[in-house]
Amino acid sequence: MRRSNEQSIKEVISEMFEQKRFKGKLAEVDVIGHWEELVGPLISRQTEKIYFAQGKLFLHITSPPLRQELSYSRTKLVQIVNDYVKQELITDVVVR
């Protein structure tokens, strides 16, 4: 019989990850790990670096024409990423 203040390990870990700082960081890692699935192999191969800062997704793209095209598609990328993680993780994309 469990006491009222006892919790299973699963419950404790779930509560810990539900905190905003862990949930957001896990979502960022998930996006980076599944980048090719989100944008396809062409964009993924040309993506040199991906990182998150202050609610923005920063992309370093090696191809100038692709960089230009992605800068026009920033709102679509925001929607793709936020839909994938099922939360508003980012508000903008910066393509460099």
C-alpha atoms as a PDB file:
ATOM      1  CA  MET A   1       0.000   0.000   0.000  1.00  0.00           C
ATOM      2  CA  ARG A   2       1.422   3.358  -1.078  1.00  0.00           C
ATOM      3  CA  ARG A   3       1.402   6.407   1.102  1.00  0.00           C
ATOM      4  CA  SER A   4      -0.298   9.494  -0.302  1.00  0.00           C
ATOM      5  CA  ASN A   5       2.989  11.355  -0.843  1.00  0.00           C
ATOM      6  CA  GLU A   6       4.705   8.516  -2.714  1.00  0.00           C
ATOM      7  CA  GLN A   7       4.930   8.488  -6.483  1.00  0.00           C
ATOM      8  CA  SER A   8       6.244   6.004  -8.965  1.00  0.00           C
ATOM      9  CA  ILE A   9       9.465   6.783 -10.795  1.00  0.00           C
ATOM     10  CA  LYS A  10       7.461   7.129 -14.000  1.00  0.00           C
ATOM     11  CA  GLU A  11       5.225   9.795 -12.441  1.00  0.00           C
ATOM     12  CA  VAL A  12       8.202  11.754 -11.074  1.00  0.00           C
ATOM     13  CA  ILE A  13      10.056  11.698 -14.409  1.00  0.00           C
ATOM     14  CA  SER A  14       6.906  12.694 -16.298  1.00  0.00           C
ATOM     15  CA  GLU A  15       6.344  15.644 -13.979  1.00  0.00           C
ATOM     16  CA  MET A  16       9.957  16.691 -14.314  1.00  0.00           C
ATOM     17  CA  PHE A  17       9.811  16.676 -18.129  1.00  0.00           C
ATOM     18  CA  GLU A  18       6.516  18.563 -18.147  1.00  0.00           C
ATOM     19  CA  GLN A  19       8.300  21.559 -16.700  1.00  0.00           C
ATOM     20  CA  LYS A  20       8.771  24.116 -19.455  1.00  0.00           C
ATOM     21  CA  ARG A  21      12.556  24.170 -19.541  1.00  0.00           C
ATOM     22  CA  PHE A  22      12.913  20.410 -20.003  1.00  0.00           C
ATOM     23  CA  LYS A  23      10.013  20.074 -22.398  1.00  0.00           C
ATOM     24  CA  GLY A  24      11.369  22.799 -24.675  1.00  0.00           C
ATOM     25  CA  LYS A  25      14.904  21.436 -24.686  1.00  0.00           C
ATOM     26  CA  LEU A  26      13.701  17.934 -25.469  1.00  0.00           C
ATOM     27  CA  ALA A  27      11.620  19.301 -28.341  1.00  0.00           C
ATOM     28  CA  GLU A  28      14.677  21.123 -29.716  1.00  0.00           C
ATOM     29  CA  VAL A  29      16.765  17.952 -29.612  1.00  0.00           C
ATOM     30  CA  ASP A  30      13.918  16.070 -31.272  1.00  0.00           C
ATOM     31  CA  VAL A  31      13.718  18.594 -34.130  1.00  0.00           C
ATOM     32  CA  ILE A  32      17.473  18.461 -34.718  1.00  0.00           C
ATOM     33  CA  GLY A  33      17.449  14.651 -34.639  1.00  0.00           C
ATOM     34  CA  HIS A  34      14.604  14.443 -37.157  1.00  0.00           C
ATOM     35  CA  TRP A  35      15.615  17.377 -39.354  1.00  0.00           C
ATOM     36  CA  GLU A  36      15.867  15.274 -42.525  1.00  0.00           C
ATOM     37  CA  GLU A  37      12.367  13.875 -41.981  1.00  0.00           C
ATOM     38  CA  LEU A  38      10.980  17.387 -41.495  1.00  0.00           C
ATOM     39  CA  VAL A  39      12.545  19.124 -44.494  1.00  0.00           C
ATOM     40  CA  GLY A  40      13.706  16.317 -46.779  1.00  0.00           C
ATOM     41  CA  PRO A  41      17.152  15.123 -47.846  1.00  0.00           C
ATOM     42  CA  LEU A  42      17.990  18.058 -50.160  1.00  0.00           C
ATOM     43  CA  ILE A  43      17.629  20.726 -47.488  1.00  0.00           C
ATOM     44  CA  SER A  44      19.093  18.463 -44.828  1.00  0.00           C
ATOM     45  CA  ARG A  45      22.296  17.906 -46.836  1.00  0.00           C
ATOM     46  CA  GLN A  46      22.742  21.655 -47.308  1.00  0.00           C
ATOM     47  CA  THR A  47      22.139  22.436 -43.611  1.00  0.00           C
ATOM     48  CA  GLU A  48      25.503  22.948 -41.968  1.00  0.00           C
ATOM     49  CA  LYS A  49      24.333  23.966 -38.500  1.00  0.00           C
ATOM     50  CA  ILE A  50      21.018  24.099 -36.597  1.00  0.00           C
ATOM     51  CA  TYR A  51      20.466  25.699 -33.208  1.00  0.00           C
ATOM     52  CA  PHE A  52      17.770  27.398 -31.154  1.00  0.00           C
ATOM     53  CA  ALA A  53      18.013  30.692 -29.291  1.00  0.00           C
ATOM     54  CA  GLN A  54      15.375  33.003 -27.825  1.00  0.00           C
ATOM     55  CA  GLY A  55      12.451  31.306 -29.551  1.00  0.00           C
ATOM     56  CA  LYS A  56      14.114  31.296 -32.967  1.00  0.00           C
ATOM     57  CA  LEU A  57      15.510  28.510 -35.126  1.00  0.00           C
ATOM     58  CA  PHE A  58      18.858  29.399 -36.672  1.00  0.00           C
ATOM     59  CA  LEU A  59      19.930  27.574 -39.842  1.00  0.00           C
ATOM     60  CA  HIS A  60      23.301  27.782 -41.540  1.00  0.00           C
ATOM     61  CA  ILE A  61      22.773  26.765 -45.174  1.00  0.00           C
ATOM     62  CA  THR A  62      25.719  26.132 -47.518  1.00  0.00           C
ATOM     63  CA  SER A  63      23.866  26.763 -50.797  1.00  0.00           C
ATOM     64  CA  PRO A  64      23.132  30.461 -51.547  1.00  0.00           C
ATOM     65  CA  PRO A  65      20.093  29.729 -53.787  1.00  0.00           C
ATOM     66  CA  LEU A  66      18.602  27.429 -51.151  1.00  0.00           C
ATOM     67  CA  ARG A  67      19.358  29.986 -48.450  1.00  0.00           C
ATOM     68  CA  GLN A  68      17.386  32.574 -50.427  1.00  0.00           C
ATOM     69  CA  GLU A  69      14.474  30.175 -50.999  1.00  0.00           C
ATOM     70  CA  LEU A  70      14.310  29.224 -47.318  1.00  0.00           C
ATOM     71  CA  SER A  71      14.333  32.859 -46.261  1.00  0.00           C
ATOM     72  CA  TYR A  72      11.123  33.269 -48.268  1.00  0.00           C
ATOM     73  CA  SER A  73       9.646  30.133 -46.644  1.00  0.00           C
ATOM     74  CA  ARG A  74      10.316  31.060 -43.018  1.00  0.00           C
ATOM     75  CA  THR A  75       6.666  31.001 -41.940  1.00  0.00           C
ATOM     76  CA  LYS A  76       6.217  27.541 -43.496  1.00  0.00           C
ATOM     77  CA  LEU A  77       9.283  26.274 -41.588  1.00  0.00           C
ATOM     78  CA  VAL A  78       7.899  27.701 -38.337  1.00  0.00           C
ATOM     79  CA  GLN A  79       4.644  25.865 -38.956  1.00  0.00           C
ATOM     80  CA  ILE A  80       6.406  22.578 -39.825  1.00  0.00           C
ATOM     81  CA  VAL A  81       8.553  22.649 -36.675  1.00  0.00           C
ATOM     82  CA  ASN A  82       5.751  23.706 -34.327  1.00  0.00           C
ATOM     83  CA  ASP A  83       3.341  21.137 -35.782  1.00  0.00           C
ATOM     84  CA  TYR A  84       5.967  18.406 -35.360  1.00  0.00           C
ATOM     85  CA  VAL A  85       6.555  19.116 -31.668  1.00  0.00           C
ATOM     86  CA  LYS A  86       2.877  19.963 -31.015  1.00  0.00           C
ATOM     87  CA  GLN A  87       3.719  23.206 -29.228  1.00  0.00           C
ATOM     88  CA  GLU A  88       4.839  26.722 -30.090  1.00  0.00           C
ATOM     89  CA  LEU A  89       8.548  26.097 -29.865  1.00  0.00           C
ATOM     90  CA  ILE A  90       9.681  28.818 -32.265  1.00  0.00           C
ATOM     91  CA  THR A  91       8.301  32.082 -33.581  1.00  0.00           C
ATOM     92  CA  ASP A  92      10.796  32.742 -36.374  1.00  0.00           C
ATOM     93  CA  VAL A  93      13.535  31.167 -38.491  1.00  0.00           C
ATOM     94  CA  VAL A  94      16.820  32.896 -39.231  1.00  0.00           C
ATOM     95  CA  VAL A  95      18.589  31.598 -42.351  1.00  0.00           C
ATOM     96  CA  ARG A  96      22.288  32.353 -42.700  1.00  0.00           C
END
